[in-house]
Amino acid sequence: MIYNNYKCFIKSIFLIFAIMRKKIILICEHCLNRNYTTTRSKLETTRLVLNKYCSSCNQKTVHKESH
């Protein structure tokens, strides 16, 4: 009985975290290819900027969050 309640509680917590996340696409600054997808918090207001490997540029470049 306690196990089932705990299992429902954990599922509800994961559902809340999933609702609070937003899917974003990262675009290479040099070639403008959409290479990566990730999630971030909906509460965050600044744009995400990361150094990632671009397969078309063959090097690490700056990837920015798309519009």
C-alpha atoms as a PDB file:
ATOM      1  CA  MET A   1       0.000   0.000   0.000  1.00  0.00           C
ATOM      2  CA  ILE A   2       2.717   2.478   0.955  1.00  0.00           C
ATOM      3  CA  TYR A   3       4.763   1.466  -2.088  1.00  0.00           C
ATOM      4  CA  ASN A   4       1.917   2.351  -4.477  1.00  0.00           C
ATOM      5  CA  ASN A   5       1.462   5.788  -2.901  1.00  0.00           C
ATOM      6  CA  TYR A   6       5.201   6.429  -3.080  1.00  0.00           C
ATOM      7  CA  LYS A   7       5.259   5.341  -6.735  1.00  0.00           C
ATOM      8  CA  CYS A   8       2.423   7.747  -7.589  1.00  0.00           C
ATOM      9  CA  PHE A   9       4.202  10.530  -5.714  1.00  0.00           C
ATOM     10  CA  ILE A  10       7.425   9.994  -7.684  1.00  0.00           C
ATOM     11  CA  LYS A  11       5.523   9.941 -11.003  1.00  0.00           C
ATOM     12  CA  SER A  12       3.787  13.202 -10.140  1.00  0.00           C
ATOM     13  CA  ILE A  13       7.114  14.858  -9.266  1.00  0.00           C
ATOM     14  CA  PHE A  14       8.618  13.806 -12.617  1.00  0.00           C
ATOM     15  CA  LEU A  15       5.517  15.099 -14.421  1.00  0.00           C
ATOM     16  CA  ILE A  16       5.852  18.490 -12.739  1.00  0.00           C
ATOM     17  CA  PHE A  17       9.525  18.706 -13.754  1.00  0.00           C
ATOM     18  CA  ALA A  18       8.659  17.720 -17.340  1.00  0.00           C
ATOM     19  CA  ILE A  19       6.030  20.465 -17.559  1.00  0.00           C
ATOM     20  CA  MET A  20       8.526  23.057 -16.297  1.00  0.00           C
ATOM     21  CA  ARG A  21      11.016  22.228 -19.083  1.00  0.00           C
ATOM     22  CA  LYS A  22      11.058  23.663 -22.624  1.00  0.00           C
ATOM     23  CA  LYS A  23      12.571  21.965 -25.696  1.00  0.00           C
ATOM     24  CA  ILE A  24      15.062  24.131 -27.572  1.00  0.00           C
ATOM     25  CA  ILE A  25      17.199  23.770 -30.707  1.00  0.00           C
ATOM     26  CA  LEU A  26      20.836  24.875 -30.820  1.00  0.00           C
ATOM     27  CA  ILE A  27      22.128  26.464 -34.038  1.00  0.00           C
ATOM     28  CA  CYS A  28      25.767  26.740 -35.093  1.00  0.00           C
ATOM     29  CA  GLU A  29      26.842  30.374 -35.314  1.00  0.00           C
ATOM     30  CA  HIS A  30      29.090  29.810 -38.379  1.00  0.00           C
ATOM     31  CA  CYS A  31      27.148  27.494 -40.707  1.00  0.00           C
ATOM     32  CA  LEU A  32      23.645  27.927 -39.173  1.00  0.00           C
ATOM     33  CA  ASN A  33      23.027  24.164 -39.023  1.00  0.00           C
ATOM     34  CA  ARG A  34      20.641  22.913 -36.364  1.00  0.00           C
ATOM     35  CA  ASN A  35      22.841  20.311 -34.737  1.00  0.00           C
ATOM     36  CA  TYR A  36      21.546  19.808 -31.194  1.00  0.00           C
ATOM     37  CA  THR A  37      18.298  19.688 -29.245  1.00  0.00           C
ATOM     38  CA  THR A  38      18.064  20.017 -25.482  1.00  0.00           C
ATOM     39  CA  THR A  39      15.746  21.242 -22.744  1.00  0.00           C
ATOM     40  CA  ARG A  40      15.903  24.166 -20.376  1.00  0.00           C
ATOM     41  CA  SER A  41      13.782  25.689 -17.652  1.00  0.00           C
ATOM     42  CA  LYS A  42      10.786  27.770 -18.728  1.00  0.00           C
ATOM     43  CA  LEU A  43      11.607  30.220 -15.948  1.00  0.00           C
ATOM     44  CA  GLU A  44      14.987  31.090 -17.494  1.00  0.00           C
ATOM     45  CA  THR A  45      14.835  34.325 -19.523  1.00  0.00           C
ATOM     46  CA  THR A  46      18.324  34.454 -21.043  1.00  0.00           C
ATOM     47  CA  ARG A  47      19.226  32.665 -24.255  1.00  0.00           C
ATOM     48  CA  LEU A  48      21.362  29.548 -24.005  1.00  0.00           C
ATOM     49  CA  VAL A  49      24.855  29.759 -25.578  1.00  0.00           C
ATOM     50  CA  LEU A  50      27.175  26.720 -25.563  1.00  0.00           C
ATOM     51  CA  ASN A  51      30.411  25.595 -27.204  1.00  0.00           C
ATOM     52  CA  LYS A  52      29.577  22.392 -29.086  1.00  0.00           C
ATOM     53  CA  TYR A  53      31.131  20.323 -31.865  1.00  0.00           C
ATOM     54  CA  CYS A  54      29.701  21.052 -35.310  1.00  0.00           C
ATOM     55  CA  SER A  55      30.032  18.157 -37.757  1.00  0.00           C
ATOM     56  CA  SER A  56      29.760  20.369 -40.848  1.00  0.00           C
ATOM     57  CA  CYS A  57      32.374  22.890 -39.602  1.00  0.00           C
ATOM     58  CA  ASN A  58      34.523  20.062 -38.192  1.00  0.00           C
ATOM     59  CA  GLN A  59      35.381  22.039 -35.057  1.00  0.00           C
ATOM     60  CA  LYS A  60      33.987  23.333 -31.795  1.00  0.00           C
ATOM     61  CA  THR A  61      31.882  26.430 -32.394  1.00  0.00           C
ATOM     62  CA  VAL A  62      29.418  28.582 -30.511  1.00  0.00           C
ATOM     63  CA  HIS A  63      25.868  27.225 -30.654  1.00  0.00           C
ATOM     64  CA  LYS A  64      23.001  29.534 -29.772  1.00  0.00           C
ATOM     65  CA  GLU A  65      19.388  28.875 -28.935  1.00  0.00           C
ATOM     66  CA  SER A  66      17.097  29.303 -31.951  1.00  0.00           C
ATOM     67  CA  HIS A  67      14.121  31.665 -32.003  1.00  0.00           C
END
